[in-house]
Each structure stands twice: as structure tokens, then as C-alpha cells.
Protein backbone atom coordinates (compact mmCIF):
# COMPACT_ATOMS: atom_id res chain seq x y z
CA UNK A 1 -38.85 -51.44 -9.52
CA UNK A 2 -35.77 -53.02 -8.47
CA UNK A 3 -34.40 -51.15 -10.95
CA UNK A 4 -35.36 -47.81 -10.05
CA UNK A 5 -33.47 -48.68 -6.81
CA UNK A 6 -31.07 -49.05 -8.48
CA UNK A 7 -31.08 -45.57 -10.69
CA UNK A 8 -31.90 -43.91 -7.42
CA UNK A 9 -29.21 -45.25 -5.39
CA UNK A 10 -26.30 -44.76 -8.38
CA UNK A 11 -27.94 -40.78 -8.52
CA UNK A 12 -27.19 -40.18 -4.94
CA UNK A 13 -23.81 -41.86 -5.06
CA UNK A 14 -22.67 -39.97 -7.81
CA UNK A 15 -24.43 -36.56 -5.80
CA UNK A 16 -22.10 -37.24 -2.55
CA UNK A 17 -18.88 -38.45 -4.56
CA UNK A 18 -19.62 -34.59 -6.34
CA UNK A 19 -20.32 -32.85 -2.99
CA UNK A 20 -16.67 -34.62 -1.38
CA UNK A 21 -14.97 -33.36 -5.14
CA UNK A 22 -16.96 -29.82 -4.80
CA UNK A 23 -15.79 -29.49 -0.54
CA UNK A 24 -12.05 -28.68 -1.54
CA UNK A 25 -12.92 -26.11 -3.91
CA UNK A 26 -15.49 -24.47 -1.77
CA UNK A 27 -13.04 -24.26 0.84
CA UNK A 28 -10.17 -22.99 -1.18
CA UNK A 29 -12.57 -20.34 -2.20
CA UNK A 30 -13.89 -18.89 1.56
CA UNK A 31 -10.18 -19.27 2.61
CA UNK A 32 -9.33 -15.75 1.05
CA UNK A 33 -7.03 -14.40 -2.13
CA UNK A 34 -3.81 -16.15 -2.63
CA UNK A 35 -0.42 -14.91 -1.99
CA UNK A 36 0.03 -14.40 -5.62
CA UNK A 37 -3.15 -11.69 -5.73
CA UNK A 38 -2.24 -9.84 -2.47
CA UNK A 39 1.47 -9.40 -3.09
CA UNK A 40 0.21 -7.95 -6.33
CA UNK A 41 -1.55 -5.24 -4.92
CA UNK A 42 -0.25 -1.49 -4.62
CA UNK A 43 0.20 -1.90 -0.92
CA UNK A 44 1.67 -4.91 -0.76
CA UNK A 45 4.25 -3.96 -2.80
CA UNK A 46 5.33 -0.85 -1.65
CA UNK A 47 4.06 1.23 -4.25
CA UNK A 48 2.62 4.83 -3.29
CA UNK A 49 1.04 7.98 -5.51
CA UNK A 50 4.34 10.15 -5.43
CA UNK A 51 2.23 12.98 -7.06
CA UNK A 52 0.11 13.31 -3.93
CA UNK A 53 2.70 13.04 -1.80
CA UNK A 54 4.86 16.11 -3.09
CA UNK A 55 1.52 18.09 -3.41
CA UNK A 56 1.02 17.09 0.57
CA UNK A 57 5.16 17.86 1.35
CA UNK A 58 4.17 21.49 -0.93
CA UNK A 59 1.21 22.08 1.41
CA UNK A 60 2.08 20.76 5.11
CA UNK A 61 3.02 23.65 7.45
CA UNK A 62 4.71 21.01 9.82
CA UNK A 63 5.76 17.30 9.99
CA UNK A 64 3.05 16.01 11.75
CA UNK A 65 0.74 17.26 9.04
CA UNK A 66 2.84 15.47 6.23
CA UNK A 67 2.56 12.42 8.28
CA UNK A 68 -0.68 12.31 8.57
CA UNK A 69 -1.06 13.25 4.81
CA UNK A 70 0.96 10.56 3.29
CA UNK A 71 -0.78 7.60 5.48
CA UNK A 72 -3.16 8.64 4.34
CA UNK A 73 -2.63 8.14 0.60
CA UNK A 74 -0.68 4.91 1.03
CA UNK A 75 -2.64 1.97 -0.03
CA UNK A 76 -0.19 -0.53 2.28
CA UNK A 77 -0.79 -1.91 5.64
CA UNK A 78 2.52 -0.57 7.63
CA UNK A 79 2.47 2.86 8.57
CA UNK A 80 4.58 5.46 6.79
CA UNK A 81 7.00 6.57 8.98
CA UNK A 82 9.42 10.10 8.00
CA UNK A 83 12.48 11.48 9.06
CA UNK A 84 14.93 14.51 7.62
CA UNK A 85 18.63 15.02 8.15
CA UNK A 86 21.31 16.69 6.36
CA UNK A 87 23.38 14.95 3.50
CA UNK A 88 26.56 17.45 3.41
CA UNK A 89 24.64 20.31 2.11
CA UNK A 90 21.23 19.17 0.24
CA UNK A 91 18.71 18.40 2.78
CA UNK A 92 16.71 14.86 2.77
CA UNK A 93 13.63 13.76 4.21
CA UNK A 94 12.82 10.62 3.84
CA UNK A 95 9.29 7.97 3.94
CA UNK A 96 9.27 4.61 5.01
CA UNK A 97 6.95 1.69 5.46
CA UNK A 98 7.50 0.11 9.37
CA UNK A 99 7.02 -3.06 8.00
CA UNK A 100 8.30 -4.84 11.32
CA UNK A 101 5.60 -2.48 13.37
CA UNK A 102 8.11 -1.30 15.69
CA UNK A 103 6.92 2.13 15.85
CA UNK A 104 10.23 3.51 14.44
CA UNK A 105 12.84 3.21 11.07
CA UNK A 106 15.39 0.37 10.99
CA UNK A 107 16.62 -1.76 8.66
CA UNK A 108 13.69 -4.26 9.09
CA UNK A 109 12.12 -1.97 7.55
CA UNK A 110 11.16 -0.53 3.52
CA UNK A 111 12.27 3.44 1.82
CA UNK A 112 9.53 4.40 -0.06
CA UNK A 113 10.56 7.70 -1.21
CA UNK A 114 13.07 10.99 -0.57
CA UNK A 115 12.61 14.50 -0.97
CA UNK A 116 16.31 15.81 -1.93
CA UNK A 117 16.99 19.47 -1.43
CA UNK A 118 19.75 20.89 -2.74
CA UNK A 119 21.58 24.71 -1.77
CA UNK A 120 20.12 26.23 -4.92
CA UNK A 121 16.68 25.63 -3.12
CA UNK A 122 15.62 23.28 -5.96
CA UNK A 123 13.86 20.02 -4.92
CA UNK A 124 13.34 16.73 -6.23
CA UNK A 125 10.69 13.86 -5.61
CA UNK A 126 12.74 10.45 -5.70
CA UNK A 127 11.11 7.30 -5.32
CA UNK A 128 12.93 3.69 -3.98
CA UNK A 129 11.70 0.31 -4.88
CA UNK A 130 8.60 -0.37 -6.18
CA UNK A 131 8.49 3.69 -7.02
CA UNK A 132 12.29 3.48 -8.65
CA UNK A 133 10.90 4.97 -11.67
CA UNK A 134 9.99 8.07 -10.65
CA UNK A 135 12.18 11.76 -10.72
CA UNK A 136 10.34 14.65 -10.04
CA UNK A 137 12.06 18.31 -9.63
CA UNK A 138 10.35 20.82 -8.26
CA UNK A 139 10.91 24.35 -6.26
CA UNK A 140 8.73 25.58 -3.98
CA UNK A 141 7.40 24.19 -0.79
CA UNK A 142 10.83 24.62 1.35
CA UNK A 143 8.94 25.75 4.53
CA UNK A 144 8.66 21.91 5.86
CA UNK A 145 12.08 22.03 6.08
CA UNK A 146 12.20 24.90 7.24
CA UNK A 147 10.27 23.54 10.12
CA UNK A 148 12.66 20.53 10.84
CA UNK A 149 15.66 22.32 10.91
CA UNK A 150 14.53 24.78 13.68
CA UNK A 151 13.21 21.62 15.56
CA UNK A 152 15.17 20.20 18.35
CA UNK A 153 17.60 17.53 16.76
CA UNK A 154 16.65 13.96 17.49
CA UNK A 155 19.41 11.74 19.95
CA UNK A 156 19.82 9.62 16.72
CA UNK A 157 21.45 13.08 14.86
CA UNK A 158 18.66 13.66 12.62
CA UNK A 159 16.31 16.83 12.25
CA UNK A 160 12.89 14.97 12.95
CA UNK A 161 12.06 11.38 13.20
CA UNK A 162 8.14 10.49 13.97
CA UNK A 163 8.11 9.99 17.63
CA UNK A 164 6.93 6.52 18.97
CA UNK A 165 4.51 8.04 20.89
CA UNK A 166 2.54 9.62 18.01
CA UNK A 167 2.39 6.41 16.21
CA UNK A 168 -0.77 5.08 17.54
CA UNK A 169 -2.40 8.80 17.07
CA UNK A 170 -1.15 8.11 13.24
CA UNK A 171 -2.72 4.74 13.35
CA UNK A 172 -6.28 5.43 14.65
CA UNK A 173 -6.68 8.46 12.29
CA UNK A 174 -5.66 6.55 9.76
CA UNK A 175 -7.96 3.57 10.79
CA UNK A 176 -10.80 6.05 10.97
CA UNK A 177 -10.06 7.70 7.37
CA UNK A 178 -10.06 4.82 5.54
CA UNK A 179 -13.52 4.30 6.78
CA UNK A 180 -14.45 7.67 4.64
CA UNK A 181 -15.36 8.30 1.45
CA UNK A 182 -12.44 10.95 0.85
CA UNK A 183 -10.75 7.51 1.18
CA UNK A 184 -12.40 5.95 -1.83
CA UNK A 185 -12.01 8.86 -3.82
CA UNK A 186 -7.87 9.07 -2.50
CA UNK A 187 -8.10 5.02 -4.09
CA UNK A 188 -9.71 6.17 -7.53
CA UNK A 189 -6.84 8.88 -7.58
CA UNK A 190 -4.03 6.09 -6.88
CA UNK A 191 -5.73 4.18 -9.64
CA UNK A 192 -5.56 6.76 -12.45
CA UNK A 193 -1.73 7.77 -11.06
CA UNK A 194 -0.35 4.73 -11.36
CA UNK A 195 -1.81 4.00 -14.88
CA UNK A 196 -0.50 7.13 -16.10
CA UNK A 197 2.95 6.20 -14.67
CA UNK A 198 2.61 2.72 -16.42
CA UNK A 199 1.79 3.95 -19.54
CA UNK A 200 4.12 7.00 -19.80
CA UNK A 201 7.21 5.23 -18.07
CA UNK A 202 6.63 2.04 -19.44
CA UNK A 203 9.22 -0.63 -19.14
CA UNK A 204 11.09 1.64 -16.34
CA UNK A 205 8.08 1.56 -14.26
CA UNK A 206 7.74 -2.48 -14.69
CA UNK A 207 10.93 -2.97 -13.95
CA UNK A 208 10.72 -0.80 -10.58
CA UNK A 209 8.50 -3.59 -9.38
CA UNK A 210 11.94 -6.12 -9.40
CA UNK A 211 13.47 -3.90 -7.50
CA UNK A 212 12.87 -5.08 -3.98
CA UNK A 213 14.38 -4.27 -0.93
CA UNK A 214 15.54 -7.31 1.03
CA UNK A 215 13.48 -5.84 4.03
CA UNK A 216 10.20 -5.82 1.58
CA UNK A 217 11.12 -9.65 0.12
CA UNK A 218 11.85 -10.91 4.21
CA UNK A 219 7.98 -8.85 5.00
CA UNK A 220 6.25 -10.76 1.95
CA UNK A 221 8.02 -14.36 3.01
CA UNK A 222 6.94 -13.71 6.31
CA UNK A 223 3.11 -12.78 5.37
CA UNK A 224 3.40 -15.89 3.20
CA UNK A 225 4.94 -18.69 5.58
CA UNK A 226 2.06 -17.78 8.11
CA UNK A 227 -0.45 -16.73 5.88
CA UNK A 228 -1.25 -13.19 7.63
CA UNK A 229 -1.59 -11.91 3.74
CA UNK A 230 -5.04 -13.55 3.99
CA UNK A 231 -6.12 -10.90 6.89
CA UNK A 232 -4.83 -7.81 5.26
CA UNK A 233 -6.55 -5.19 4.29
CA UNK A 234 -4.51 -4.09 1.04
CA UNK A 235 -6.53 -4.70 -2.14
CA UNK A 236 -10.03 -4.93 -0.41
CA UNK A 237 -9.80 -1.39 0.67
CA UNK A 238 -9.59 -0.51 -2.75
CA UNK A 239 -12.67 -1.87 -3.99
CA UNK A 240 -14.30 1.74 -2.76
CA UNK A 241 -12.42 3.17 -5.61
CA UNK A 242 -14.55 1.38 -7.99
CA UNK A 243 -17.10 2.42 -10.84
CA UNK A 244 -20.04 0.52 -8.88
CA UNK A 245 -19.20 1.21 -5.33
CA UNK A 246 -19.87 -2.80 -4.43
CA UNK A 247 -16.91 -4.76 -2.24
CA UNK A 248 -17.36 -7.64 -4.75
CA UNK A 249 -15.50 -5.58 -7.91
CA UNK A 250 -13.74 -7.85 -10.16
CA UNK A 251 -11.21 -6.88 -12.73
CA UNK A 252 -12.98 -7.76 -15.39
CA UNK A 253 -16.48 -5.58 -14.20
CA UNK A 254 -14.83 -2.26 -14.23
CA UNK A 255 -13.10 -2.91 -11.14
CA UNK A 256 -9.19 -2.17 -10.71
CA UNK A 257 -6.84 -5.01 -12.09
CA UNK A 258 -3.59 -4.56 -10.10
CA UNK A 259 -0.15 -5.01 -10.69
CA UNK A 260 0.49 -1.48 -11.38
CA UNK A 261 -2.86 -0.52 -13.22
CA UNK A 262 -4.95 0.18 -9.88
CA UNK A 263 -4.98 -1.53 -6.68
CA UNK A 264 -6.74 -5.40 -7.98
CA UNK A 265 -9.67 -6.78 -5.26
CA UNK A 266 -8.50 -9.56 -3.48
CA UNK A 267 -11.28 -10.10 -1.15
CA UNK A 268 -15.01 -8.93 -0.24
CA UNK A 269 -14.76 -7.97 3.43
CA UNK A 270 -16.47 -4.64 3.64
CA UNK A 271 -14.85 -2.12 5.47
CA UNK A 272 -17.48 -2.16 8.94
CA UNK A 273 -15.44 -5.45 8.57
CA UNK A 274 -12.44 -4.08 9.59
């Protein structure tokens, strides 16, 4: 009997020790994604589907329509703000992610892309930062520039700059859109686009990820130091594009692999919880 009690006590002690050891591991698993996982997602890195942006430019009849479309394409947490200006004899349309949420473009934000129109009515889509691998020439689609030119010039000398009073509307519309099946389709399209670009552009695509602007670096570091990346929706939303449709899709089960082949699923939060 004494021997049995001794064995039972030893077993209980072993279980207690195992529980203490497992505790921190369980806590770590439930604390959200690691910073490295989050930072590797397309949204956190500032990557955007520039083929879809180019199509949006061609199909938009106004600056506000283009803004709405671009923010439906982008997977990052910040709102994409646009502005147009004249640079010599060329017209330039810029798209920036509002990293500091100031509701206007400033030196703390990150330039994602430009559409440049020259005097011969030719257009070029130019990617910046993590999108720096991308250059595309196209002809049609100059109505948007015409619209901006006839619009009142802003006090800062730009033909068009996203008005601050439109920011909340854009943000609200994007939130609603990200809870729709249409966004799931866009995420899938984005994933396919990044996979093609990685295969086509090779090293230039990979190296572009290293061209992080000072603003993007500051943003990433602040997210890491504050732990704010754990509450980010970036990457979690991308699980909607998986073939299984489950928010628990992983890279090994056919989900997105992240880091440029599509966004990696880094969390288990469902859209309704956002």
C-alpha cells in the first residue's frame, strides 16, 4: 500500500511539473502571431496588387472612385491616400499608405505606387518600396487625370489630394467590404498575382522587399515594440482566400504561404470579431 501511494504521489508531482512547463507554451500560442510572421505578410510589407490598381485606374471616372477601388485591393491596415501633381511636363498620381493615421499624406507615410503620364499620352505604373520590382506601360485611361486637372487645386499645390473629411467614409466602406465575399475573391486574386510576379521577376521581386522606406521601418518597429501587431487584421483576413474557407488554414494545408506568394495566415480571428 505504501509503495502504491508513493507511486501515485510521484505521478501527481510529474503531472504538476508538466502543467507548469506547458503553461508558458500555451500562453505563447494564444498570445497571437509572432512579429516575424506578421511582418512577412503582404499588407505589413506594403505590397499591393498593381495589376488590379492599373485596371482600377483605367476604369475609374473620378478620383473618389479610384480611392475606393484601391482600398478594396490593398490588404494593409492603413488607408491608401492618393494625390496628383505636375512634375515638369508629366502628370503624376501617387498612392500612399497612411501609416500614422493622420488622415493626410505626410513624411511619415509610405509611397506604394505612382501612375505617370507623359506628353505623348503614355502611362506608366511604377511600384515603390516592396513594389519596386514593378514597371508597366499602358496607353488608355487618361480620363482620371483630366478629372483631376479640372478639379480645384489644393492649397498645397496638388491637383487632387484625398480630403480629410473623406477619410472616415473610405475607412467605413473598406471595413464593410472586408466582411464580404467579394473581398475573399480579391484576396485570392492578390495571392495569384504575387505568385506570378515572384516567378516572373525573380531576384528583383525578392530584393524589392529589402527596399523598405524609413517610414515603413519606423512603422514596423513601433508595431513591434508596442505589440500592436498582435491586434492587426493583416494576414488574418487573407485566410478568406484559402480553398478550405476556414480561418484556421495553414501554409501546409493549402493556404497562403506569405512572404510574397500571398499573405500568410497568422491568426484565427474571424471577420465577425473585427
